[in-house]
Amino acid sequence: MTSSNTTYFYLITFLCFFNRYRREVFSKPLFWIAVTAGCLVGTKSIYLALMILFFLAILFFIRNNRTKYIFLISLFLIGSVGLYFFFSTKVFSTIVNENGWLTAILSTRNQLLVDETIPFVQKNWNVLNYLFGGLANPFLRPQLELLDLLLFFGILGGAFYIYTFAKFYFNFSIQKLFPVFTLALLFLVTLISGNFFYNATVPIYLIILKYSLLKFKK
């Protein structure tokens, strides 16, 4: 329904594939179908996440150093060509020329923050709002996840929200570094995508991801 939801859907799909198949994932046709579908969505977050995932997979799953270097160089070249074509598109280049790189990368979220969110906070918030949040119009949020949490729940409420989420979701240990890095990647993407902690569909994806992580652990 929204690009951010789709980003999490495909990113968690990729993580589940890697957790289940590990180095054999590249021989699975369904994985490449998912990668192709994810790329066709067209969000920058998916492209970034795929590049980092492939980089991590090469580092962790390929033992031969010569093969590893060949794949890393190939990934760098493919990524560079892809970035060139992406940045040279008419829409992206127009935004860069008119508003700068940061606005283009954040899909105008920084402008929404400056033009709408901050003036609303300055005009309407008091001490209690800073502690516990208060946003009457959800369209005023910049869709930058940590800032959105502060807007909805404030400093104390946002901290309690993240603490509760971490306590109940990460109630298991992870010994392997690869899933730790992939989880870090997932939460890194939330910083520029938004709609993660308070979207009704994302928790369903997270339950599936947690199940795959537990299977990986076994």
N, C-alpha and C. Protein backbone atom coordinates (compact mmCIF):
# COMPACT_ATOMS: atom_id res chain seq x y z
N MET A 1 0.82 -1.21 0.00
CA MET A 1 0.00 0.00 0.00
C MET A 1 0.85 1.26 0.00
N THR A 2 2.01 1.21 0.66
CA THR A 2 2.93 2.34 0.63
C THR A 2 4.34 1.83 0.35
N SER A 3 5.17 2.72 -0.15
CA SER A 3 6.52 2.29 -0.53
C SER A 3 7.33 1.83 0.68
N SER A 4 7.13 2.48 1.84
CA SER A 4 7.89 2.07 3.02
C SER A 4 7.49 0.68 3.49
N ASN A 5 6.18 0.38 3.48
CA ASN A 5 5.74 -0.97 3.84
C ASN A 5 6.33 -2.00 2.89
N THR A 6 6.34 -1.67 1.61
CA THR A 6 6.90 -2.58 0.61
C THR A 6 8.38 -2.79 0.84
N THR A 7 9.08 -1.73 1.22
CA THR A 7 10.51 -1.85 1.51
C THR A 7 10.76 -2.85 2.62
N TYR A 8 10.00 -2.75 3.71
CA TYR A 8 10.18 -3.69 4.83
C TYR A 8 9.79 -5.10 4.43
N PHE A 9 8.73 -5.23 3.65
CA PHE A 9 8.29 -6.56 3.20
C PHE A 9 9.42 -7.26 2.44
N TYR A 10 10.03 -6.57 1.48
CA TYR A 10 11.06 -7.21 0.68
C TYR A 10 12.37 -7.37 1.46
N LEU A 11 12.71 -6.38 2.27
CA LEU A 11 13.94 -6.49 3.05
C LEU A 11 13.87 -7.68 4.00
N ILE A 12 12.75 -7.83 4.69
CA ILE A 12 12.59 -8.97 5.60
C ILE A 12 12.54 -10.28 4.81
N THR A 13 11.97 -10.24 3.62
CA THR A 13 12.00 -11.43 2.75
C THR A 13 13.43 -11.84 2.44
N PHE A 14 14.27 -10.86 2.07
CA PHE A 14 15.68 -11.17 1.78
C PHE A 14 16.37 -11.76 3.01
N LEU A 15 16.11 -11.17 4.18
CA LEU A 15 16.75 -11.67 5.41
C LEU A 15 16.31 -13.10 5.71
N CYS A 16 15.04 -13.40 5.49
CA CYS A 16 14.56 -14.77 5.72
C CYS A 16 15.23 -15.75 4.77
N PHE A 17 15.42 -15.35 3.52
CA PHE A 17 16.12 -16.20 2.56
C PHE A 17 17.54 -16.49 3.04
N PHE A 18 18.24 -15.46 3.45
CA PHE A 18 19.63 -15.64 3.89
C PHE A 18 19.70 -16.48 5.16
N ASN A 19 18.76 -16.26 6.08
CA ASN A 19 18.76 -17.05 7.32
C ASN A 19 18.52 -18.52 7.05
N ARG A 20 17.69 -18.81 6.06
CA ARG A 20 17.34 -20.21 5.79
C ARG A 20 18.40 -20.92 4.96
N TYR A 21 18.89 -20.26 3.90
CA TYR A 21 19.75 -20.95 2.93
C TYR A 21 21.22 -20.59 3.05
N ARG A 22 21.52 -19.45 3.70
CA ARG A 22 22.90 -19.00 3.83
C ARG A 22 23.63 -18.98 2.49
N ARG A 23 24.78 -19.64 2.33
CA ARG A 23 25.54 -19.49 1.10
C ARG A 23 24.86 -20.12 -0.10
N GLU A 24 23.85 -20.96 0.11
CA GLU A 24 23.13 -21.58 -1.00
C GLU A 24 22.03 -20.69 -1.56
N VAL A 25 21.83 -19.51 -0.95
CA VAL A 25 20.72 -18.66 -1.34
C VAL A 25 20.82 -18.22 -2.80
N PHE A 26 22.06 -18.06 -3.31
CA PHE A 26 22.24 -17.56 -4.67
C PHE A 26 21.85 -18.57 -5.73
N SER A 27 21.66 -19.83 -5.34
CA SER A 27 21.24 -20.85 -6.29
C SER A 27 19.73 -21.06 -6.28
N LYS A 28 19.00 -20.27 -5.51
CA LYS A 28 17.56 -20.42 -5.40
C LYS A 28 16.85 -19.44 -6.35
N PRO A 29 16.12 -19.97 -7.35
CA PRO A 29 15.42 -19.08 -8.30
C PRO A 29 14.43 -18.14 -7.62
N LEU A 30 13.75 -18.63 -6.58
CA LEU A 30 12.75 -17.79 -5.91
C LEU A 30 13.40 -16.56 -5.26
N PHE A 31 14.65 -16.73 -4.79
CA PHE A 31 15.36 -15.59 -4.22
C PHE A 31 15.57 -14.50 -5.27
N TRP A 32 15.99 -14.90 -6.46
CA TRP A 32 16.24 -13.93 -7.52
C TRP A 32 14.95 -13.31 -8.03
N ILE A 33 13.85 -14.05 -8.00
CA ILE A 33 12.56 -13.48 -8.34
C ILE A 33 12.20 -12.38 -7.33
N ALA A 34 12.44 -12.68 -6.04
CA ALA A 34 12.17 -11.68 -5.00
C ALA A 34 13.06 -10.46 -5.16
N VAL A 35 14.33 -10.67 -5.49
CA VAL A 35 15.26 -9.55 -5.70
C VAL A 35 14.78 -8.69 -6.87
N THR A 36 14.39 -9.33 -7.97
CA THR A 36 13.91 -8.59 -9.14
C THR A 36 12.66 -7.79 -8.81
N ALA A 37 11.72 -8.43 -8.10
CA ALA A 37 10.49 -7.73 -7.71
C ALA A 37 10.80 -6.56 -6.80
N GLY A 38 11.73 -6.76 -5.85
CA GLY A 38 12.11 -5.68 -4.94
C GLY A 38 12.73 -4.51 -5.68
N CYS A 39 13.57 -4.81 -6.68
CA CYS A 39 14.20 -3.74 -7.45
C CYS A 39 13.17 -2.96 -8.26
N LEU A 40 12.14 -3.65 -8.74
CA LEU A 40 11.11 -2.99 -9.53
C LEU A 40 10.25 -2.05 -8.69
N VAL A 41 10.25 -2.25 -7.37
CA VAL A 41 9.53 -1.32 -6.50
C VAL A 41 10.12 0.09 -6.63
N GLY A 42 11.46 0.14 -6.73
CA GLY A 42 12.11 1.40 -7.04
C GLY A 42 12.47 2.29 -5.87
N THR A 43 12.42 1.77 -4.63
CA THR A 43 12.80 2.61 -3.50
C THR A 43 14.30 2.55 -3.27
N LYS A 44 14.87 3.68 -2.88
CA LYS A 44 16.32 3.75 -2.65
C LYS A 44 16.73 2.83 -1.51
N SER A 45 15.85 2.65 -0.53
CA SER A 45 16.17 1.82 0.63
C SER A 45 16.40 0.36 0.23
N ILE A 46 15.62 -0.13 -0.72
CA ILE A 46 15.79 -1.51 -1.16
C ILE A 46 17.13 -1.67 -1.88
N TYR A 47 17.47 -0.72 -2.75
CA TYR A 47 18.74 -0.80 -3.46
C TYR A 47 19.92 -0.78 -2.48
N LEU A 48 19.86 0.13 -1.52
CA LEU A 48 20.92 0.23 -0.52
C LEU A 48 21.02 -1.05 0.29
N ALA A 49 19.87 -1.58 0.74
CA ALA A 49 19.86 -2.79 1.56
C ALA A 49 20.40 -3.99 0.77
N LEU A 50 20.04 -4.10 -0.50
CA LEU A 50 20.54 -5.22 -1.31
C LEU A 50 22.05 -5.16 -1.47
N MET A 51 22.58 -3.97 -1.72
CA MET A 51 24.02 -3.84 -1.88
C MET A 51 24.74 -4.25 -0.60
N ILE A 52 24.24 -3.81 0.55
CA ILE A 52 24.88 -4.16 1.82
C ILE A 52 24.73 -5.64 2.12
N LEU A 53 23.55 -6.22 1.82
CA LEU A 53 23.33 -7.65 2.05
C LEU A 53 24.28 -8.49 1.20
N PHE A 54 24.40 -8.16 -0.07
CA PHE A 54 25.33 -8.90 -0.93
C PHE A 54 26.77 -8.76 -0.44
N PHE A 55 27.12 -7.57 0.01
CA PHE A 55 28.46 -7.34 0.55
C PHE A 55 28.70 -8.23 1.77
N LEU A 56 27.74 -8.28 2.69
CA LEU A 56 27.87 -9.12 3.89
C LEU A 56 27.92 -10.59 3.52
N ALA A 57 27.10 -11.00 2.55
CA ALA A 57 27.08 -12.40 2.14
C ALA A 57 28.41 -12.83 1.56
N ILE A 58 29.03 -11.94 0.76
CA ILE A 58 30.34 -12.25 0.19
C ILE A 58 31.38 -12.40 1.28
N LEU A 59 31.35 -11.49 2.26
CA LEU A 59 32.32 -11.55 3.34
C LEU A 59 32.17 -12.80 4.20
N PHE A 60 30.94 -13.18 4.50
CA PHE A 60 30.70 -14.27 5.45
C PHE A 60 30.63 -15.65 4.80
N PHE A 61 30.16 -15.73 3.56
CA PHE A 61 29.85 -17.04 2.99
C PHE A 61 30.88 -17.54 1.98
N ILE A 62 31.74 -16.67 1.47
CA ILE A 62 32.75 -17.10 0.50
C ILE A 62 34.09 -17.19 1.21
N ARG A 63 34.64 -18.39 1.25
CA ARG A 63 35.86 -18.61 2.02
C ARG A 63 37.13 -18.36 1.20
N ASN A 64 37.09 -18.65 -0.09
CA ASN A 64 38.26 -18.46 -0.94
C ASN A 64 38.50 -16.97 -1.16
N ASN A 65 39.69 -16.51 -0.76
CA ASN A 65 39.97 -15.07 -0.83
C ASN A 65 39.94 -14.53 -2.26
N ARG A 66 40.47 -15.29 -3.19
CA ARG A 66 40.49 -14.82 -4.57
C ARG A 66 39.07 -14.65 -5.10
N THR A 67 38.24 -15.66 -4.87
CA THR A 67 36.84 -15.57 -5.29
C THR A 67 36.13 -14.43 -4.60
N LYS A 68 36.44 -14.25 -3.32
CA LYS A 68 35.82 -13.17 -2.54
C LYS A 68 36.15 -11.81 -3.14
N TYR A 69 37.43 -11.60 -3.50
CA TYR A 69 37.82 -10.32 -4.08
C TYR A 69 37.16 -10.09 -5.44
N ILE A 70 37.06 -11.15 -6.23
CA ILE A 70 36.41 -11.03 -7.54
C ILE A 70 34.96 -10.60 -7.38
N PHE A 71 34.25 -11.23 -6.44
CA PHE A 71 32.85 -10.89 -6.21
C PHE A 71 32.70 -9.47 -5.65
N LEU A 72 33.61 -9.08 -4.76
CA LEU A 72 33.53 -7.73 -4.20
C LEU A 72 33.76 -6.66 -5.27
N ILE A 73 34.73 -6.90 -6.13
CA ILE A 73 34.99 -5.95 -7.23
C ILE A 73 33.79 -5.89 -8.17
N SER A 74 33.22 -7.07 -8.48
CA SER A 74 32.05 -7.12 -9.35
C SER A 74 30.87 -6.38 -8.73
N LEU A 75 30.68 -6.57 -7.43
CA LEU A 75 29.59 -5.88 -6.73
C LEU A 75 29.81 -4.37 -6.76
N PHE A 76 31.05 -3.94 -6.56
CA PHE A 76 31.36 -2.52 -6.60
C PHE A 76 31.06 -1.93 -7.98
N LEU A 77 31.44 -2.65 -9.03
CA LEU A 77 31.20 -2.15 -10.39
C LEU A 77 29.71 -2.09 -10.71
N ILE A 78 28.99 -3.16 -10.33
CA ILE A 78 27.54 -3.18 -10.59
C ILE A 78 26.85 -2.07 -9.81
N GLY A 79 27.26 -1.89 -8.54
CA GLY A 79 26.67 -0.83 -7.74
C GLY A 79 26.96 0.55 -8.30
N SER A 80 28.18 0.75 -8.78
CA SER A 80 28.55 2.05 -9.34
C SER A 80 27.74 2.36 -10.59
N VAL A 81 27.60 1.36 -11.47
CA VAL A 81 26.80 1.56 -12.69
C VAL A 81 25.34 1.83 -12.34
N GLY A 82 24.83 1.05 -11.38
CA GLY A 82 23.45 1.25 -10.97
C GLY A 82 23.21 2.63 -10.38
N LEU A 83 24.14 3.09 -9.53
CA LEU A 83 24.01 4.42 -8.95
C LEU A 83 24.07 5.51 -10.02
N TYR A 84 24.93 5.30 -11.00
CA TYR A 84 25.05 6.29 -12.08
C TYR A 84 23.72 6.44 -12.82
N PHE A 85 23.13 5.31 -13.21
CA PHE A 85 21.86 5.37 -13.94
C PHE A 85 20.75 5.92 -13.05
N PHE A 86 20.76 5.55 -11.76
CA PHE A 86 19.70 6.02 -10.86
C PHE A 86 19.80 7.53 -10.66
N PHE A 87 21.02 8.02 -10.42
CA PHE A 87 21.19 9.44 -10.17
C PHE A 87 21.02 10.30 -11.42
N SER A 88 21.14 9.66 -12.59
CA SER A 88 21.00 10.43 -13.82
C SER A 88 19.57 10.46 -14.35
N THR A 89 18.63 9.80 -13.63
CA THR A 89 17.23 9.85 -14.07
C THR A 89 16.71 11.27 -13.96
N LYS A 90 15.70 11.58 -14.76
CA LYS A 90 15.19 12.95 -14.85
C LYS A 90 14.63 13.44 -13.52
N VAL A 91 13.85 12.59 -12.85
CA VAL A 91 13.22 12.99 -11.59
C VAL A 91 14.28 13.28 -10.53
N PHE A 92 15.24 12.35 -10.38
CA PHE A 92 16.24 12.50 -9.34
C PHE A 92 17.15 13.69 -9.62
N SER A 93 17.59 13.82 -10.85
CA SER A 93 18.49 14.93 -11.19
C SER A 93 17.79 16.28 -11.03
N THR A 94 16.48 16.34 -11.31
CA THR A 94 15.73 17.59 -11.13
C THR A 94 15.68 17.99 -9.67
N ILE A 95 15.42 17.01 -8.79
CA ILE A 95 15.37 17.30 -7.36
C ILE A 95 16.73 17.76 -6.85
N VAL A 96 17.80 17.09 -7.33
CA VAL A 96 19.16 17.46 -6.93
C VAL A 96 19.46 18.89 -7.34
N ASN A 97 19.13 19.25 -8.58
CA ASN A 97 19.43 20.59 -9.08
C ASN A 97 18.63 21.66 -8.36
N GLU A 98 17.39 21.36 -8.00
CA GLU A 98 16.53 22.36 -7.39
C GLU A 98 16.68 22.44 -5.87
N ASN A 99 16.88 21.28 -5.22
CA ASN A 99 16.85 21.26 -3.75
C ASN A 99 18.08 20.65 -3.10
N GLY A 100 18.97 20.03 -3.86
CA GLY A 100 20.18 19.47 -3.29
C GLY A 100 20.11 17.97 -3.09
N TRP A 101 21.28 17.39 -2.76
CA TRP A 101 21.41 15.94 -2.62
C TRP A 101 20.63 15.39 -1.43
N LEU A 102 20.70 16.09 -0.31
CA LEU A 102 20.03 15.58 0.89
C LEU A 102 18.53 15.44 0.66
N THR A 103 17.93 16.42 0.02
CA THR A 103 16.50 16.36 -0.26
C THR A 103 16.17 15.21 -1.20
N ALA A 104 17.04 14.98 -2.19
CA ALA A 104 16.81 13.88 -3.13
C ALA A 104 16.93 12.53 -2.46
N ILE A 105 17.94 12.36 -1.61
CA ILE A 105 18.15 11.08 -0.94
C ILE A 105 17.03 10.80 0.05
N LEU A 106 16.57 11.83 0.77
CA LEU A 106 15.51 11.66 1.77
C LEU A 106 14.11 11.82 1.19
N SER A 107 14.01 11.98 -0.13
CA SER A 107 12.70 12.09 -0.80
C SER A 107 11.87 13.22 -0.20
N THR A 108 12.49 14.36 -0.05
CA THR A 108 11.89 15.62 0.44
C THR A 108 11.43 15.54 1.90
N ARG A 109 11.80 14.50 2.64
CA ARG A 109 11.40 14.40 4.04
C ARG A 109 11.99 15.54 4.88
N ASN A 110 13.22 15.93 4.55
CA ASN A 110 13.85 17.02 5.30
C ASN A 110 13.11 18.33 5.09
N GLN A 111 12.56 18.55 3.89
CA GLN A 111 11.78 19.76 3.65
C GLN A 111 10.49 19.75 4.46
N LEU A 112 9.83 18.58 4.52
CA LEU A 112 8.61 18.46 5.32
C LEU A 112 8.91 18.74 6.80
N LEU A 113 10.06 18.27 7.26
CA LEU A 113 10.47 18.50 8.64
C LEU A 113 10.61 20.00 8.92
N VAL A 114 11.29 20.70 8.02
CA VAL A 114 11.57 22.12 8.23
C VAL A 114 10.33 22.98 7.99
N ASP A 115 9.56 22.66 6.96
CA ASP A 115 8.44 23.52 6.57
C ASP A 115 7.16 23.27 7.37
N GLU A 116 6.94 22.02 7.82
CA GLU A 116 5.67 21.69 8.46
C GLU A 116 5.83 21.24 9.91
N THR A 117 6.73 20.26 10.13
CA THR A 117 6.81 19.63 11.46
C THR A 117 7.32 20.59 12.52
N ILE A 118 8.48 21.20 12.27
CA ILE A 118 9.08 22.08 13.28
C ILE A 118 8.18 23.29 13.60
N PRO A 119 7.60 23.97 12.59
CA PRO A 119 6.67 25.06 12.94
C PRO A 119 5.48 24.60 13.77
N PHE A 120 4.95 23.40 13.48
CA PHE A 120 3.83 22.88 14.28
C PHE A 120 4.25 22.68 15.73
N VAL A 121 5.44 22.08 15.93
CA VAL A 121 5.92 21.82 17.29
C VAL A 121 6.16 23.13 18.03
N GLN A 122 6.78 24.09 17.38
CA GLN A 122 7.07 25.37 18.03
C GLN A 122 5.80 26.11 18.41
N LYS A 123 4.75 25.96 17.62
CA LYS A 123 3.52 26.69 17.86
C LYS A 123 2.63 26.02 18.89
N ASN A 124 2.62 24.67 18.92
CA ASN A 124 1.59 23.96 19.69
C ASN A 124 2.10 23.18 20.90
N TRP A 125 3.38 22.87 20.96
CA TRP A 125 3.86 21.99 22.03
C TRP A 125 4.19 22.74 23.31
N ASN A 126 3.98 22.02 24.43
CA ASN A 126 4.43 22.50 25.73
C ASN A 126 5.36 21.45 26.35
N VAL A 127 5.67 21.59 27.63
CA VAL A 127 6.61 20.67 28.29
C VAL A 127 6.11 19.23 28.25
N LEU A 128 4.82 19.02 28.50
CA LEU A 128 4.26 17.67 28.49
C LEU A 128 4.37 17.03 27.11
N ASN A 129 4.19 17.83 26.06
CA ASN A 129 4.32 17.28 24.70
C ASN A 129 5.74 16.80 24.43
N TYR A 130 6.72 17.55 24.90
CA TYR A 130 8.10 17.11 24.70
C TYR A 130 8.39 15.82 25.44
N LEU A 131 7.73 15.61 26.55
CA LEU A 131 7.93 14.38 27.32
C LEU A 131 7.13 13.21 26.77
N PHE A 132 5.88 13.47 26.32
CA PHE A 132 4.97 12.39 25.95
C PHE A 132 4.40 12.51 24.54
N GLY A 133 4.83 13.50 23.78
CA GLY A 133 4.41 13.62 22.40
C GLY A 133 3.06 14.28 22.25
N GLY A 134 2.59 14.33 21.01
CA GLY A 134 1.29 14.92 20.73
C GLY A 134 1.24 15.46 19.32
N LEU A 135 0.72 14.63 18.38
CA LEU A 135 0.64 15.03 16.98
C LEU A 135 -0.79 14.82 16.50
N ALA A 136 -1.51 15.91 16.26
CA ALA A 136 -2.91 15.81 15.87
C ALA A 136 -3.06 15.37 14.42
N ASN A 137 -2.11 15.73 13.58
CA ASN A 137 -2.20 15.42 12.15
C ASN A 137 -1.02 14.54 11.73
N PRO A 138 -1.26 13.25 11.44
CA PRO A 138 -0.13 12.36 11.10
C PRO A 138 0.58 12.74 9.80
N PHE A 139 -0.05 13.57 8.98
CA PHE A 139 0.60 13.97 7.72
C PHE A 139 1.69 15.01 7.95
N LEU A 140 1.79 15.51 9.19
CA LEU A 140 2.85 16.46 9.51
C LEU A 140 4.16 15.77 9.88
N ARG A 141 4.12 14.47 10.10
CA ARG A 141 5.35 13.76 10.47
C ARG A 141 6.27 13.66 9.26
N PRO A 142 7.59 13.76 9.47
CA PRO A 142 8.53 13.73 8.34
C PRO A 142 8.84 12.33 7.82
N GLN A 143 8.32 11.28 8.48
CA GLN A 143 8.58 9.88 8.12
C GLN A 143 10.06 9.54 8.23
N LEU A 144 10.70 10.09 9.24
CA LEU A 144 12.03 9.69 9.69
C LEU A 144 11.82 9.07 11.06
N GLU A 145 12.06 7.77 11.19
CA GLU A 145 11.45 6.97 12.24
C GLU A 145 11.67 7.50 13.66
N LEU A 146 12.89 7.84 14.02
CA LEU A 146 13.14 8.32 15.37
C LEU A 146 12.44 9.64 15.65
N LEU A 147 12.41 10.51 14.66
CA LEU A 147 11.69 11.78 14.82
C LEU A 147 10.19 11.54 14.92
N ASP A 148 9.68 10.59 14.15
CA ASP A 148 8.26 10.27 14.22
C ASP A 148 7.89 9.74 15.60
N LEU A 149 8.76 8.90 16.16
CA LEU A 149 8.50 8.39 17.51
C LEU A 149 8.45 9.51 18.53
N LEU A 150 9.35 10.46 18.39
CA LEU A 150 9.35 11.60 19.31
C LEU A 150 8.07 12.42 19.16
N LEU A 151 7.61 12.58 17.93
CA LEU A 151 6.39 13.34 17.70
C LEU A 151 5.18 12.64 18.31
N PHE A 152 5.10 11.33 18.15
CA PHE A 152 3.95 10.59 18.66
C PHE A 152 4.01 10.39 20.18
N PHE A 153 5.21 10.08 20.70
CA PHE A 153 5.30 9.65 22.09
C PHE A 153 6.20 10.52 22.96
N GLY A 154 6.92 11.46 22.39
CA GLY A 154 7.80 12.31 23.17
C GLY A 154 9.08 11.61 23.58
N ILE A 155 9.90 12.28 24.38
CA ILE A 155 11.19 11.73 24.78
C ILE A 155 11.02 10.53 25.70
N LEU A 156 10.23 10.67 26.77
CA LEU A 156 10.02 9.56 27.70
C LEU A 156 9.20 8.45 27.06
N GLY A 157 8.13 8.81 26.39
CA GLY A 157 7.29 7.81 25.75
C GLY A 157 8.01 7.05 24.66
N GLY A 158 8.81 7.75 23.85
CA GLY A 158 9.56 7.10 22.79
C GLY A 158 10.60 6.14 23.33
N ALA A 159 11.30 6.55 24.41
CA ALA A 159 12.29 5.68 25.03
C ALA A 159 11.64 4.43 25.60
N PHE A 160 10.48 4.60 26.24
CA PHE A 160 9.76 3.45 26.80
C PHE A 160 9.27 2.53 25.70
N TYR A 161 8.83 3.11 24.59
CA TYR A 161 8.36 2.33 23.44
C TYR A 161 9.48 1.44 22.89
N ILE A 162 10.65 2.04 22.65
CA ILE A 162 11.77 1.28 22.10
C ILE A 162 12.24 0.21 23.09
N TYR A 163 12.28 0.56 24.37
CA TYR A 163 12.68 -0.40 25.40
C TYR A 163 11.73 -1.60 25.42
N THR A 164 10.42 -1.34 25.37
CA THR A 164 9.44 -2.42 25.39
C THR A 164 9.55 -3.29 24.15
N PHE A 165 9.72 -2.65 23.00
CA PHE A 165 9.88 -3.40 21.75
C PHE A 165 11.10 -4.32 21.81
N ALA A 166 12.23 -3.77 22.24
CA ALA A 166 13.47 -4.56 22.29
C ALA A 166 13.36 -5.69 23.32
N LYS A 167 12.72 -5.42 24.45
CA LYS A 167 12.62 -6.43 25.51
C LYS A 167 11.81 -7.63 25.06
N PHE A 168 10.71 -7.42 24.37
CA PHE A 168 9.84 -8.53 24.01
C PHE A 168 10.21 -9.17 22.68
N TYR A 169 10.85 -8.41 21.79
CA TYR A 169 11.21 -9.00 20.49
C TYR A 169 12.53 -9.74 20.57
N PHE A 170 13.52 -9.16 21.23
CA PHE A 170 14.85 -9.77 21.30
C PHE A 170 15.01 -10.57 22.60
N ASN A 171 14.06 -11.45 22.87
CA ASN A 171 14.15 -12.29 24.06
C ASN A 171 14.85 -13.61 23.75
N PHE A 172 15.83 -13.55 22.86
CA PHE A 172 16.64 -14.71 22.51
C PHE A 172 18.03 -14.20 22.15
N SER A 173 19.00 -15.07 22.24
CA SER A 173 20.39 -14.68 21.95
C SER A 173 20.76 -15.08 20.53
N ILE A 174 21.66 -14.30 19.94
CA ILE A 174 22.17 -14.58 18.59
C ILE A 174 23.68 -14.68 18.68
N GLN A 175 24.21 -15.86 18.36
CA GLN A 175 25.66 -16.07 18.46
C GLN A 175 26.39 -15.72 17.16
N LYS A 176 25.71 -15.83 16.03
CA LYS A 176 26.35 -15.62 14.74
C LYS A 176 26.34 -14.14 14.37
N LEU A 177 27.44 -13.68 13.77
CA LEU A 177 27.55 -12.27 13.43
C LEU A 177 26.68 -11.89 12.23
N PHE A 178 26.50 -12.80 11.28
CA PHE A 178 25.76 -12.45 10.07
C PHE A 178 24.33 -11.98 10.38
N PRO A 179 23.53 -12.75 11.15
CA PRO A 179 22.19 -12.25 11.46
C PRO A 179 22.19 -10.97 12.29
N VAL A 180 23.23 -10.77 13.12
CA VAL A 180 23.32 -9.53 13.88
C VAL A 180 23.47 -8.35 12.94
N PHE A 181 24.35 -8.49 11.95
CA PHE A 181 24.55 -7.41 10.99
C PHE A 181 23.30 -7.16 10.14
N THR A 182 22.61 -8.24 9.76
CA THR A 182 21.41 -8.06 8.95
C THR A 182 20.30 -7.38 9.74
N LEU A 183 20.17 -7.71 11.02
CA LEU A 183 19.19 -7.02 11.86
C LEU A 183 19.55 -5.54 12.01
N ALA A 184 20.83 -5.26 12.17
CA ALA A 184 21.28 -3.87 12.26
C ALA A 184 20.93 -3.12 10.97
N LEU A 185 21.08 -3.81 9.84
CA LEU A 185 20.73 -3.20 8.55
C LEU A 185 19.24 -2.88 8.50
N LEU A 186 18.41 -3.79 8.98
CA LEU A 186 16.96 -3.57 8.97
C LEU A 186 16.60 -2.30 9.74
N PHE A 187 17.18 -2.14 10.94
CA PHE A 187 16.84 -0.98 11.75
C PHE A 187 17.53 0.29 11.24
N LEU A 188 18.62 0.13 10.50
CA LEU A 188 19.24 1.29 9.87
C LEU A 188 18.32 1.86 8.79
N VAL A 189 17.69 0.98 8.03
CA VAL A 189 16.79 1.42 6.97
C VAL A 189 15.61 2.20 7.54
N THR A 190 15.17 1.82 8.75
CA THR A 190 14.02 2.52 9.34
C THR A 190 14.29 4.00 9.57
N LEU A 191 15.57 4.35 9.73
CA LEU A 191 15.90 5.74 10.03
C LEU A 191 15.58 6.67 8.86
N ILE A 192 15.57 6.13 7.63
CA ILE A 192 15.30 6.96 6.46
C ILE A 192 14.00 6.59 5.76
N SER A 193 13.30 5.56 6.27
CA SER A 193 12.09 5.12 5.60
C SER A 193 10.82 5.45 6.37
N GLY A 194 10.84 5.34 7.69
CA GLY A 194 9.66 5.61 8.48
C GLY A 194 8.64 4.47 8.43
N ASN A 195 7.52 4.66 9.15
CA ASN A 195 6.40 3.71 9.16
C ASN A 195 6.80 2.31 9.60
N PHE A 196 7.69 2.21 10.57
CA PHE A 196 8.15 0.89 10.99
C PHE A 196 7.51 0.47 12.32
N PHE A 197 7.67 1.25 13.37
CA PHE A 197 7.25 0.84 14.70
C PHE A 197 5.74 0.86 14.89
N TYR A 198 5.03 1.67 14.15
CA TYR A 198 3.61 1.85 14.42
C TYR A 198 2.74 1.49 13.21
N ASN A 199 3.27 0.69 12.30
CA ASN A 199 2.46 0.24 11.17
C ASN A 199 1.89 -1.14 11.46
N ALA A 200 0.65 -1.36 11.08
CA ALA A 200 -0.04 -2.59 11.49
C ALA A 200 0.48 -3.85 10.81
N THR A 201 1.08 -3.72 9.63
CA THR A 201 1.52 -4.91 8.89
C THR A 201 2.95 -5.33 9.22
N VAL A 202 3.79 -4.37 9.58
CA VAL A 202 5.21 -4.67 9.83
C VAL A 202 5.40 -5.71 10.94
N PRO A 203 4.65 -5.67 12.07
CA PRO A 203 4.83 -6.70 13.09
C PRO A 203 4.64 -8.12 12.59
N ILE A 204 3.75 -8.29 11.61
CA ILE A 204 3.56 -9.63 11.04
C ILE A 204 4.85 -10.09 10.36
N TYR A 205 5.46 -9.19 9.58
CA TYR A 205 6.73 -9.53 8.93
C TYR A 205 7.81 -9.81 9.97
N LEU A 206 7.80 -9.04 11.06
CA LEU A 206 8.82 -9.22 12.08
C LEU A 206 8.69 -10.57 12.79
N ILE A 207 7.47 -11.04 12.97
CA ILE A 207 7.28 -12.37 13.57
C ILE A 207 7.88 -13.44 12.68
N ILE A 208 7.65 -13.32 11.37
CA ILE A 208 8.23 -14.28 10.42
C ILE A 208 9.75 -14.22 10.46
N LEU A 209 10.30 -13.01 10.52
CA LEU A 209 11.75 -12.86 10.60
C LEU A 209 12.29 -13.48 11.88
N LYS A 210 11.62 -13.26 12.99
CA LYS A 210 12.07 -13.84 14.25
C LYS A 210 12.07 -15.36 14.18
N TYR A 211 11.05 -15.93 13.57
CA TYR A 211 10.99 -17.38 13.40
C TYR A 211 12.18 -17.87 12.58
N SER A 212 12.52 -17.17 11.51
CA SER A 212 13.65 -17.58 10.69
C SER A 212 14.96 -17.45 11.45
N LEU A 213 15.08 -16.43 12.31
CA LEU A 213 16.29 -16.27 13.12
C LEU A 213 16.43 -17.41 14.12
N LEU A 214 15.33 -17.85 14.72
CA LEU A 214 15.38 -18.96 15.66
C LEU A 214 15.75 -20.26 14.94
N LYS A 215 15.26 -20.42 13.73
CA LYS A 215 15.64 -21.60 12.94
C LYS A 215 17.13 -21.54 12.59
N PHE A 216 17.61 -20.34 12.26
CA PHE A 216 19.04 -20.16 11.96
C PHE A 216 19.88 -20.53 13.18
N LYS A 217 19.41 -20.11 14.35
CA LYS A 217 20.15 -20.39 15.58
C LYS A 217 20.28 -21.91 15.80
N LYS A 218 19.20 -22.68 15.54
CA LYS A 218 19.25 -24.12 15.70
C LYS A 218 20.19 -24.76 14.70
